[in-house]
Every structure is written in structure tokens, then in C-alpha cells.
Amino acid sequence: MSFEELGLGPDLLKAIGDCGYTDPTPIQAQAIPSILMTRDVVGLAQTGTGKTASFILPMIEMLHGGRAKARMPRSLILEPTRELAAQVAVNFDTYGKYHKMTKALLVGGESMGEQMKLLERGVDVLIATPGRLLDLFGRGSILLNDIKILVIDEADRMLDMGFIPDIDKIVSFVPPMRQTLLFSATMPPEIKKLSDKFLSNPKNVSVAPPASPAENVDQSLIWTNSKEKRRVLDGVIRQEDVKNAFVFCNRKREVDELARWLKTQKYSVAPMHGDMPQSLRTKTLQDFKDGAIKLLVCSDVAARGLDVQAVSHVFNYDVPMNPDDYIHRIGRTGRAGLKGRAWSIATPGDDTKYVANIERLINKAIPVKTLGGSEKSPPAVEKNTPDAEKPVQNRKEEQKGKGRERYKKPVQPAEQAVKTNNNGERSQGHRKSESENMSGFGEDVPFFFKEK
């Protein structure tokens, strides 16, 4: 099927041709005809499948003949993050360049005054995050009673970020006679309830199994201890042909700390997370797209929907606690038919559970490798951490037992008693003798006893 067969007008087809696209993706081929028929649609597709164009193209086709009134947008696209909203706005400009249509981007971190001026002129398409939209609505700067098309994008991410009550409130302000499009990468029960509540007899479009990783992403897993994670990340980056990469961390503080450390290793790197000013986040992302930055160390704010072409690698410095986030993280590479590589660095303990949850979700084991890249059979626990395979409670009991045994040893003869100083502390000589006694470990001296 070609774009010409989908029912799009000549101006849209010209814009699509300018982008170099010839054939629609599966989600576009299935969703666009139904949207043009004004049906409600539930689109279920993994990241990187062309989902955004599947609703922007028919929206432009249906809206281009009308005219918006002041403060009364004709359509509304809800996005969970500023970056996703900004990216949708760019796509709207790209596909709608031969149409005289207006848009407004309402996100936090930007001038509210400028956004209000745009609304006063009237906009055909309003692209917004829930918080800023409700803020301006509460000030009387927006009227939503002329909305003809409502799009709820990345619905599962909205759920994760706690936006569902805000979505409920926003939908209550929108006319009941409207067309509603809901797109999501996964369909948990809460999103199914949302769909049943807001959509009327929707056309269900699913082009890939929910929560399945892209087939053209080569996945690898490497186990290490927490003290060695940075060294392992550095080693993997150096052994791979990394053109550019996302490096994901679970915590914002870790993002900043890891970015600073990677700079000391002479990498071109920058951090990005939700606490940064929007202007800096926008500039950082643009620098990464332009190639000025090679490694983007980020939180899950960058895991969804960001379309950066030809990203060669994704590194999970921290294994995500939510297995769905793993799907979205590694979906930043291997896009548009290109091959990609994803490496995850795990530590025994909690990560064992998180890795098991991910493998259960994707229904296969992630190949475990060593730093040199060779295959390694699971369980992938380093020799110097054998207790990591044991249940936590068992390890605690063993450690308690060892502590009790320490006090059952026979008292040393007087001439061998531990020497103390005037403060009752062990002398330097005694500490030296402990170090000497470690020779019994041979080659298996635990890493935390080795001299640095």
C-alpha cells in the first residue's frame, strides 16, 4: 500500500514526498483510513513505528478547511512530557508546511505570556502537557468547547506519571461529540478502562505484540558489582563502535554524577533529566541530534517517543525497575529499519529480580556477556560475589552465624594477646597481621580486600 491509497490530499502527499517517505508503516496503513472516516481509534504500537504521523497526517487533512476562533482550539493533542510535545510540534510543521494552519505548544518551563498570545489569535492544533493546559484553562486563557479531535498520546506513560486524574478533568471540559484517538505502547488494565470510558466504539489497531522489543536491537547483559559499574560501562563503550548513545540511569542525581565522571574519561557527554530548565533540555537534545554530544546520560524522561535518527547504542547503566521502561529505553536505537545495540549493566541483588521481570515480559533470556563480549552462561554472578545467588535472608543468617563463631574462639595466650594503645584501640601492628593472614585466600582474595 502507498500513501496515495490512504486518502490523503496532494499537499500532504507532497510534504510526505519531501521527507523521502514512499510507503506507510503498518500503524499508518491501518490507522489513517479509520481516522479519516472520523472513527475513534485505539492504536497499540511499540516505539519507533511511525505512530505520530498516523494521527498528525489525517488531522491536517480533516482540519485544513476550517478556521479557529480566539482561545478556542479546534483539536488537542495531549503528551506526557515537554520533549514529546515539542517533537509532535516539529512533525506538525514538517507535514503541514503546504497548509495554512496554526498551532500552539503549551508546556511548562516556557513563557506563559507568549503562549497566551498565540491562543488569543486562535489555533487549529493545540499540543500540550496536562499541567500547563489546566493552568491556562484555570486562568480563562483557553476554551475547550470547540475541540473536534482529541488525541491522548503515550497513554501508558501518562499512567506512569500520575496524569490520569488530569486527563479525566480535561476530557470533562471537551465536547462529548468529538473524535478521540488514544495511542499507547502497552495496554495495562487501567488504560483499557480509560479507553472504554472516553472512546465510542473504537477501531482497535495493533501492529506489534504489546511490550515487545524491536527485533533489530541486539540485546546484551553484563553482571558486575556496584563498585565496578563505571569501569564496566567505560569498557563496553570503548569496545563497541559507538557513534552516539543514550545512557539511562534510574535516579536524577546519578545522571549528573555519571555525566561528570564520563567527562573526566574524555567523552563528549551531557546530562538530561526533568529537573533541568526546559531551555537547557531543548538545547541539550538538539546538540545530541546534531552530533555535538556523543553520549546523552538521562533519566526516563528520554525513554519515550524521542525520535533521534541513527542512534547506534543504548546503555542501561541502571536496570529499570519497571520492565516496560526497558522496552522503551532500548527502543531509542534500532529505529527506521536500522540495526541497534542495547547493553544493560546489572548487579546481583535487586537487579536479579528486575532482570527476571524483563525476561518474563519479553519472553526470552537476554544474552549474558563478559566485558570482552564473549558469551557467558547464567547465572551471571562474578566469582567474587558467590553469595549473591543465595536468598537475602539466607545470607543474613549465615553472616549472623559467622559473627557468633568469632566470639567462640579460644582465648589467645597472654604473649599473643592483641596489643592496644592508650585509647584501647588496636595497634597498627595488629592491623598488619590481619592483612598478612589474608594470604590464605590465594588468587581468590575478595576485591574489597585487594590493595588499590
Protein backbone atom coordinates (compact mmCIF):
# COMPACT_ATOMS: atom_id res chain seq x y z
CA MET A 1 0.00 0.00 0.00
CA SER A 2 1.18 3.52 -0.82
CA PHE A 3 0.35 6.85 0.82
CA GLU A 4 -1.75 7.73 -2.25
CA GLU A 5 -4.10 4.85 -1.40
CA LEU A 6 -4.75 6.11 2.15
CA GLY A 7 -6.97 9.01 1.03
CA LEU A 8 -4.57 11.89 1.77
CA GLY A 9 -4.66 15.09 -0.31
CA PRO A 10 -1.99 16.25 -2.80
CA ASP A 11 -0.44 18.83 -0.47
CA LEU A 12 0.11 16.22 2.24
CA LEU A 13 1.48 13.74 -0.29
CA LYS A 14 3.92 16.41 -1.47
CA ALA A 15 5.12 17.05 2.09
CA ILE A 16 5.50 13.32 2.67
CA GLY A 17 7.49 13.01 -0.54
CA ASP A 18 9.78 15.83 0.59
CA CYS A 19 10.60 13.72 3.65
CA GLY A 20 11.64 10.83 1.42
CA TYR A 21 8.85 8.52 2.55
CA THR A 22 7.34 6.19 -0.04
CA ASP A 23 5.31 3.58 1.83
CA PRO A 24 3.36 3.94 5.09
CA THR A 25 4.35 1.92 8.15
CA PRO A 26 1.87 -0.75 9.36
CA ILE A 27 0.39 1.53 12.05
CA GLN A 28 -0.06 4.31 9.49
CA ALA A 29 -1.64 2.00 6.92
CA GLN A 30 -4.19 0.72 9.44
CA ALA A 31 -4.93 3.86 11.46
CA ILE A 32 -5.09 6.65 8.85
CA PRO A 33 -8.10 5.35 6.83
CA SER A 34 -10.14 4.82 10.02
CA ILE A 35 -9.25 8.29 11.36
CA LEU A 36 -10.24 9.89 8.04
CA MET A 37 -13.61 8.14 8.45
CA THR A 38 -13.91 10.05 11.79
CA ARG A 39 -13.86 6.84 13.83
CA ASP A 40 -12.39 6.70 17.33
CA VAL A 41 -9.17 4.72 17.27
CA VAL A 42 -7.08 2.87 19.84
CA GLY A 43 -3.58 2.43 18.44
CA LEU A 44 -1.27 -0.06 20.09
CA ALA A 45 2.25 0.09 18.73
CA GLN A 46 5.76 -0.04 20.05
CA THR A 47 8.02 2.96 19.84
CA GLY A 48 9.66 3.84 16.52
CA THR A 49 6.80 2.60 14.31
CA GLY A 50 5.70 5.95 12.86
CA LYS A 51 2.83 6.34 15.32
CA THR A 52 2.98 10.16 15.44
CA ALA A 53 2.43 10.56 11.70
CA SER A 54 -0.50 8.15 11.88
CA PHE A 55 -2.57 10.77 13.70
CA ILE A 56 -0.96 14.04 12.53
CA LEU A 57 -1.45 13.34 8.81
CA PRO A 58 -5.21 12.68 8.96
CA MET A 59 -5.70 15.56 11.43
CA ILE A 60 -4.16 18.00 8.95
CA GLU A 61 -6.30 16.57 6.16
CA MET A 62 -9.53 16.97 8.15
CA LEU A 63 -8.83 20.37 9.72
CA HIS A 64 -7.23 22.35 6.92
CA GLY A 65 -10.51 23.66 5.51
CA GLY A 66 -11.71 25.39 8.70
CA ARG A 67 -10.67 28.33 10.82
CA ALA A 68 -10.06 28.59 14.56
CA LYS A 69 -11.56 31.24 16.84
CA ALA A 70 -9.71 33.14 19.53
CA ARG A 71 -8.89 30.99 22.57
CA MET A 72 -10.86 28.09 21.03
CA PRO A 73 -8.52 25.47 19.51
CA ARG A 74 -10.09 23.01 17.09
CA SER A 75 -8.03 19.98 18.15
CA LEU A 76 -6.00 18.93 21.17
CA ILE A 77 -3.00 16.58 21.43
CA LEU A 78 -2.00 15.62 24.98
CA GLU A 79 1.58 14.48 25.60
CA PRO A 80 3.17 13.36 28.91
CA THR A 81 6.47 15.26 28.56
CA ARG A 82 7.75 18.53 27.14
CA GLU A 83 10.13 16.75 24.78
CA LEU A 84 7.37 14.62 23.26
CA ALA A 85 5.13 17.65 22.86
CA ALA A 86 7.92 19.60 21.17
CA GLN A 87 8.63 16.70 18.83
CA VAL A 88 4.97 16.45 17.80
CA ALA A 89 5.02 20.19 17.09
CA VAL A 90 8.04 19.74 14.80
CA ASN A 91 6.27 16.90 12.96
CA PHE A 92 3.19 19.09 12.53
CA ASP A 93 5.33 21.79 10.90
CA THR A 94 7.02 19.21 8.67
CA TYR A 95 3.85 17.55 7.37
CA GLY A 96 1.72 20.69 7.32
CA LYS A 97 4.13 23.02 5.55
CA TYR A 98 1.85 23.32 2.49
CA HIS A 99 -1.22 24.07 4.59
CA LYS A 100 -2.03 27.40 6.22
CA MET A 101 -2.73 26.02 9.67
CA THR A 102 -1.75 27.29 13.09
CA LYS A 103 -0.59 25.54 16.24
CA ALA A 104 0.36 26.33 19.81
CA LEU A 105 2.73 24.39 22.07
CA LEU A 106 1.79 24.61 25.76
CA VAL A 107 4.47 23.17 28.04
CA GLY A 108 5.98 24.12 31.36
CA GLY A 109 9.29 25.94 31.52
CA GLU A 110 8.34 28.31 28.70
CA SER A 111 6.86 31.84 28.75
CA MET A 112 3.18 31.66 29.63
CA GLY A 113 2.65 35.13 28.19
CA GLU A 114 3.81 34.10 24.72
CA GLN A 115 1.60 31.02 24.83
CA MET A 116 -1.42 33.15 25.79
CA LYS A 117 -0.77 35.47 22.83
CA LEU A 118 -0.87 32.51 20.44
CA LEU A 119 -4.15 31.32 21.92
CA GLU A 120 -5.68 34.78 21.52
CA ARG A 121 -5.04 34.60 17.77
CA GLY A 122 -6.74 31.22 17.52
CA VAL A 123 -5.00 27.90 16.77
CA ASP A 124 -6.05 24.86 14.79
CA VAL A 125 -3.94 22.40 16.75
CA LEU A 126 -3.12 22.68 20.45
CA ILE A 127 -0.24 20.45 21.63
CA ALA A 128 0.06 20.42 25.40
CA THR A 129 1.18 18.70 28.57
CA PRO A 130 -1.66 18.27 31.10
CA GLY A 131 -0.25 20.52 33.83
CA ARG A 132 0.27 23.64 31.70
CA LEU A 133 -3.04 23.11 29.90
CA LEU A 134 -5.00 23.01 33.18
CA ASP A 135 -3.09 26.04 34.45
CA LEU A 136 -4.05 28.17 31.45
CA PHE A 137 -7.59 26.79 31.44
CA GLY A 138 -7.97 27.83 35.07
CA ARG A 139 -6.88 31.37 34.11
CA GLY A 140 -9.55 31.53 31.43
CA SER A 141 -7.00 31.65 28.60
CA ILE A 142 -8.37 28.55 26.84
CA LEU A 143 -11.87 27.40 25.94
CA LEU A 144 -12.12 23.72 25.01
CA ASN A 145 -15.73 23.64 23.81
CA ASP A 146 -14.76 23.67 20.10
CA ILE A 147 -12.46 20.63 20.22
CA LYS A 148 -13.32 18.30 17.34
CA ILE A 149 -10.38 15.87 17.64
CA LEU A 150 -8.77 14.79 20.92
CA VAL A 151 -5.54 12.78 20.92
CA ILE A 152 -4.22 11.10 24.07
CA ASP A 153 -0.70 10.03 23.15
CA GLU A 154 1.60 7.73 25.15
CA ALA A 155 -1.32 6.80 27.42
CA ASP A 156 0.66 4.25 29.44
CA ARG A 157 3.31 6.88 30.15
CA MET A 158 0.55 9.23 31.30
CA LEU A 159 -0.45 6.49 33.73
CA ASP A 160 3.10 6.02 35.00
CA MET A 161 3.48 9.76 35.61
CA GLY A 162 0.19 10.05 37.51
CA PHE A 163 -1.61 12.15 34.88
CA ILE A 164 -4.80 10.09 34.65
CA PRO A 165 -6.78 12.35 37.09
CA ASP A 166 -5.70 15.35 34.99
CA ILE A 167 -6.80 13.57 31.80
CA ASP A 168 -10.18 12.88 33.41
CA LYS A 169 -10.56 16.56 34.23
CA ILE A 170 -9.51 17.75 30.77
CA VAL A 171 -11.88 15.37 28.99
CA SER A 172 -14.75 16.70 31.10
CA PHE A 173 -14.15 20.13 29.52
CA VAL A 174 -14.18 18.79 25.95
CA PRO A 175 -17.43 18.34 23.95
CA PRO A 176 -18.84 14.79 24.13
CA MET A 177 -19.42 14.85 20.37
CA ARG A 178 -15.82 14.59 19.25
CA GLN A 179 -13.38 12.14 17.70
CA THR A 180 -10.96 10.60 20.21
CA LEU A 181 -7.68 8.87 19.37
CA LEU A 182 -5.73 7.01 22.04
CA PHE A 183 -2.22 5.70 21.39
CA SER A 184 -0.13 3.61 23.73
CA ALA A 185 2.79 1.22 23.59
CA THR A 186 1.20 -1.11 26.15
CA MET A 187 -2.36 -1.73 27.31
CA PRO A 188 -2.46 -2.28 31.08
CA PRO A 189 -5.92 -2.67 32.68
CA GLU A 190 -6.04 1.00 33.73
CA ILE A 191 -5.58 2.16 30.13
CA LYS A 192 -8.24 -0.30 28.95
CA LYS A 193 -10.66 1.31 31.41
CA LEU A 194 -9.63 4.74 30.11
CA SER A 195 -10.34 3.62 26.57
CA ASP A 196 -13.76 2.23 27.47
CA LYS A 197 -14.63 5.48 29.28
CA PHE A 198 -13.52 8.06 26.72
CA LEU A 199 -13.89 6.35 23.32
CA SER A 200 -17.02 5.29 21.46
CA ASN A 201 -16.89 2.01 19.53
CA PRO A 202 -13.20 2.50 18.67
CA LYS A 203 -11.30 0.81 15.89
CA ASN A 204 -8.52 -1.18 17.56
CA VAL A 205 -5.22 -1.14 15.69
CA SER A 206 -2.31 -3.24 16.91
CA VAL A 207 0.76 -3.74 14.77
CA ALA A 208 3.08 -5.43 17.26
CA PRO A 209 2.62 -7.51 20.39
CA PRO A 210 2.35 -5.21 23.42
CA ALA A 211 5.62 -4.63 25.23
CA SER A 212 7.81 -6.41 22.70
CA PRO A 213 11.31 -5.12 21.96
CA ALA A 214 12.31 -4.14 18.45
CA GLU A 215 13.59 -7.20 16.61
CA ASN A 216 16.55 -5.37 15.10
CA VAL A 217 18.03 -4.42 18.50
CA ASP A 218 20.82 -6.74 19.66
CA GLN A 219 20.48 -7.06 23.45
CA SER A 220 23.26 -7.94 25.89
CA LEU A 221 23.56 -8.15 29.67
CA ILE A 222 26.69 -7.91 31.78
CA TRP A 223 26.89 -8.59 35.53
CA THR A 224 29.27 -6.84 37.88
CA ASN A 225 29.43 -5.42 41.39
CA SER A 226 28.31 -1.90 42.22
CA LYS A 227 31.87 -0.57 42.67
CA GLU A 228 32.85 -1.70 39.18
CA LYS A 229 29.83 -0.37 37.23
CA ARG A 230 31.55 2.74 35.93
CA ARG A 231 34.64 0.81 34.85
CA VAL A 232 32.44 -1.74 33.08
CA LEU A 233 30.45 0.99 31.30
CA ASP A 234 33.68 2.63 30.17
CA GLY A 235 35.00 -0.72 28.93
CA VAL A 236 31.86 -1.58 26.98
CA ILE A 237 31.74 1.87 25.34
CA ARG A 238 35.37 1.53 24.28
CA GLN A 239 34.95 -1.98 22.87
CA GLU A 240 31.81 -1.05 20.88
CA ASP A 241 31.64 1.10 17.76
CA VAL A 242 29.55 3.78 19.46
CA LYS A 243 28.51 6.62 17.17
CA ASN A 244 26.04 8.05 19.67
CA ALA A 245 24.16 6.58 22.62
CA PHE A 246 21.60 7.09 25.34
CA VAL A 247 22.89 6.14 28.81
CA PHE A 248 19.95 5.59 31.17
CA CYS A 249 20.01 5.94 34.95
CA ASN A 250 17.17 5.39 37.42
CA ARG A 251 17.83 8.48 39.54
CA LYS A 252 18.34 12.12 38.56
CA ARG A 253 21.27 12.51 40.96
CA GLU A 254 23.01 9.55 39.33
CA VAL A 255 22.52 11.20 35.92
CA ASP A 256 24.54 14.25 36.94
CA GLU A 257 27.22 12.25 38.77
CA LEU A 258 27.74 9.77 35.92
CA ALA A 259 27.85 12.56 33.31
CA ARG A 260 30.57 14.36 35.31
CA TRP A 261 32.58 11.14 35.61
CA LEU A 262 32.30 10.34 31.89
CA LYS A 263 33.60 13.83 31.12
CA THR A 264 36.72 13.00 33.14
CA GLN A 265 37.15 10.00 30.82
CA LYS A 266 37.28 12.42 27.86
CA TYR A 267 33.85 11.58 26.42
CA SER A 268 31.59 14.13 24.72
CA VAL A 269 28.68 13.88 27.14
CA ALA A 270 25.79 15.84 28.67
CA PRO A 271 23.09 15.05 31.23
CA MET A 272 19.33 15.44 30.74
CA HIS A 273 16.57 14.98 33.32
CA GLY A 274 13.29 16.55 34.45
CA ASP A 275 14.81 19.00 36.95
CA MET A 276 16.73 20.88 34.27
CA PRO A 277 15.27 24.12 32.83
CA GLN A 278 13.31 23.49 29.66
CA SER A 279 15.57 25.75 27.59
CA LEU A 280 18.61 23.71 28.63
CA ARG A 281 16.82 20.41 27.98
CA THR A 282 15.86 21.61 24.49
CA LYS A 283 19.40 22.75 23.69
CA THR A 284 20.92 19.53 25.05
CA LEU A 285 18.64 17.36 22.95
CA GLN A 286 19.35 19.44 19.84
CA ASP A 287 23.11 19.18 20.43
CA PHE A 288 22.72 15.41 20.69
CA LYS A 289 20.74 15.28 17.44
CA ASP A 290 23.34 17.47 15.70
CA GLY A 291 26.20 15.24 16.84
CA ALA A 292 27.79 17.82 19.12
CA ILE A 293 27.22 15.38 22.00
CA LYS A 294 28.07 11.69 21.69
CA LEU A 295 26.62 10.35 24.95
CA LEU A 296 23.37 11.59 26.46
CA VAL A 297 23.12 10.50 30.10
CA CYS A 298 19.45 10.70 31.03
CA SER A 299 16.57 9.61 33.18
CA ASP A 300 13.43 8.01 31.74
CA VAL A 301 12.30 11.45 30.57
CA ALA A 302 14.10 10.48 27.33
CA ALA A 303 12.79 6.91 27.17
CA ARG A 304 9.55 7.63 25.35
CA GLY A 305 8.96 8.84 21.84
CA LEU A 306 12.06 10.96 21.27
CA ASP A 307 12.97 10.49 17.63
CA VAL A 308 16.72 10.81 17.20
CA GLN A 309 17.86 9.30 13.94
CA ALA A 310 20.50 6.57 13.73
CA VAL A 311 21.27 6.12 17.44
CA SER A 312 23.74 3.25 17.49
CA HIS A 313 23.56 2.21 21.17
CA VAL A 314 21.56 2.30 24.36
CA PHE A 315 23.25 1.61 27.70
CA ASN A 316 21.21 0.82 30.79
CA TYR A 317 23.66 1.88 33.47
CA ASP A 318 20.84 1.03 35.88
CA VAL A 319 18.43 -1.79 35.12
CA PRO A 320 14.95 -0.24 35.07
CA MET A 321 12.67 -1.29 37.92
CA ASN A 322 9.66 -1.30 35.60
CA PRO A 323 10.09 -3.86 32.80
CA ASP A 324 8.01 -1.75 30.39
CA ASP A 325 10.62 1.00 30.70
CA TYR A 326 13.22 -1.43 29.36
CA ILE A 327 11.20 -1.75 26.14
CA HIS A 328 11.01 1.99 25.71
CA ARG A 329 14.65 2.61 26.57
CA ILE A 330 16.09 0.16 24.06
CA GLY A 331 13.57 1.44 21.51
CA ARG A 332 15.72 4.58 21.17
CA THR A 333 18.02 2.51 18.93
CA GLY A 334 17.29 0.22 16.00
CA ARG A 335 14.77 2.66 14.51
CA ALA A 336 13.63 3.09 10.91
CA GLY A 337 14.96 -0.32 9.90
CA LEU A 338 18.48 0.27 11.21
CA LYS A 339 20.34 -2.13 13.49
CA GLY A 340 20.94 -1.15 17.08
CA ARG A 341 22.65 -2.49 20.19
CA ALA A 342 21.49 -2.33 23.80
CA TRP A 343 23.67 -3.17 26.82
CA SER A 344 22.41 -3.47 30.39
CA ILE A 345 24.72 -3.46 33.42
CA ALA A 346 23.29 -5.39 36.37
CA THR A 347 24.44 -6.03 39.92
CA PRO A 348 23.42 -9.07 41.99
CA GLY A 349 20.70 -8.36 44.49
CA ASP A 350 17.68 -6.27 43.45
CA ASP A 351 18.75 -6.28 39.81
CA THR A 352 18.34 -10.07 39.75
CA LYS A 353 14.61 -9.57 40.28
CA TYR A 354 14.37 -6.72 37.76
CA VAL A 355 16.17 -8.70 35.06
CA ALA A 356 13.89 -11.68 35.69
CA ASN A 357 10.83 -9.44 35.28
CA ILE A 358 12.17 -8.04 31.99
CA GLU A 359 12.91 -11.50 30.61
CA ARG A 360 9.46 -12.67 31.64
CA LEU A 361 7.91 -9.72 29.80
CA ILE A 362 9.88 -10.16 26.57
CA ASN A 363 9.57 -13.94 26.84
CA LYS A 364 13.24 -14.67 26.33
CA ALA A 365 16.55 -14.53 28.15
CA ILE A 366 18.88 -11.60 27.50
CA PRO A 367 22.28 -12.97 26.40
CA VAL A 368 24.80 -12.58 29.21
CA LYS A 369 28.29 -11.50 28.17
CA THR A 370 31.60 -10.57 29.73
CA LEU A 371 33.42 -7.30 29.22
CA GLY A 372 35.25 -8.80 26.26
CA GLY A 373 31.93 -9.55 24.59
CA SER A 374 32.06 -13.36 24.81
CA GLU A 375 29.03 -15.40 25.79
CA LYS A 376 28.70 -16.36 29.43
CA SER A 377 26.27 -18.88 30.84
CA PRO A 378 23.84 -17.70 33.50
CA PRO A 379 23.60 -17.36 36.40
CA ALA A 380 25.85 -14.44 35.61
CA VAL A 381 27.36 -13.74 39.02
CA GLU A 382 31.02 -12.91 39.37
CA LYS A 383 33.22 -15.32 41.32
CA ASN A 384 33.99 -12.76 43.97
CA THR A 385 30.30 -12.45 44.84
CA PRO A 386 29.12 -16.07 45.23
CA ASP A 387 26.65 -15.21 47.98
CA ALA A 388 24.64 -13.10 45.56
CA GLU A 389 22.96 -16.27 44.25
CA LYS A 390 21.62 -17.10 47.71
CA PRO A 391 18.38 -15.63 49.07
CA VAL A 392 18.95 -12.45 51.01
CA GLN A 393 17.54 -13.96 54.21
CA ASN A 394 19.91 -16.94 53.99
CA ARG A 395 22.90 -14.65 53.54
CA LYS A 396 21.88 -12.65 56.58
CA GLU A 397 21.56 -15.79 58.70
CA GLU A 398 24.98 -17.03 57.57
CA GLN A 399 26.55 -13.69 58.39
CA LYS A 400 24.99 -13.77 61.86
CA GLY A 401 26.34 -17.26 62.36
CA LYS A 402 29.83 -16.20 61.37
CA GLY A 403 29.60 -13.32 63.80
CA ARG A 404 28.69 -15.65 66.66
CA GLU A 405 31.52 -18.05 65.81
CA ARG A 406 34.01 -15.21 66.10
CA TYR A 407 33.33 -14.96 69.81
CA LYS A 408 33.60 -18.74 70.39
CA LYS A 409 37.32 -18.86 69.53
CA PRO A 410 39.63 -19.87 72.38
CA VAL A 411 41.31 -17.03 74.23
CA GLN A 412 44.85 -16.40 72.99
CA PRO A 413 47.82 -16.88 75.33
CA ALA A 414 48.98 -13.71 77.04
CA GLU A 415 52.05 -13.35 74.87
CA GLN A 416 49.84 -13.42 71.74
CA ALA A 417 47.12 -11.12 73.05
CA VAL A 418 46.08 -8.21 70.86
CA LYS A 419 48.13 -5.13 71.54
CA THR A 420 46.27 -1.91 72.23
CA ASN A 421 47.29 1.69 72.54
CA ASN A 422 46.46 4.04 75.39
CA ASN A 423 42.95 4.61 73.96
CA GLY A 424 42.14 0.90 73.93
CA GLU A 425 42.28 0.76 70.08
CA ARG A 426 44.06 -1.93 68.10
CA SER A 427 47.59 -1.05 67.19
CA GLN A 428 48.93 -0.65 63.66
CA GLY A 429 50.89 -3.86 64.15
CA HIS A 430 47.72 -5.86 64.68
CA ARG A 431 46.11 -4.45 61.52
CA LYS A 432 49.18 -5.50 59.59
CA SER A 433 48.94 -9.06 60.85
CA GLU A 434 45.31 -9.27 59.67
CA SER A 435 46.41 -8.21 56.20
CA GLU A 436 49.15 -10.82 56.21
CA ASN A 437 46.68 -13.54 57.19
CA MET A 438 44.67 -12.85 54.01
CA SER A 439 47.31 -14.68 52.01
CA GLY A 440 45.26 -17.79 52.61
CA PHE A 441 42.74 -16.59 50.04
CA GLY A 442 45.30 -17.20 47.26
CA GLU A 443 44.10 -15.86 43.90
CA ASP A 444 40.53 -15.53 45.20
CA VAL A 445 41.12 -12.59 47.51
CA PRO A 446 37.82 -10.66 47.54
CA PHE A 447 38.03 -7.41 45.55
CA PHE A 448 37.30 -5.28 48.61
CA PHE A 449 40.48 -6.62 50.36
CA LYS A 450 42.80 -6.00 47.45
CA GLU A 451 45.24 -3.11 47.54
CA LYS A 452 44.29 -0.23 45.30
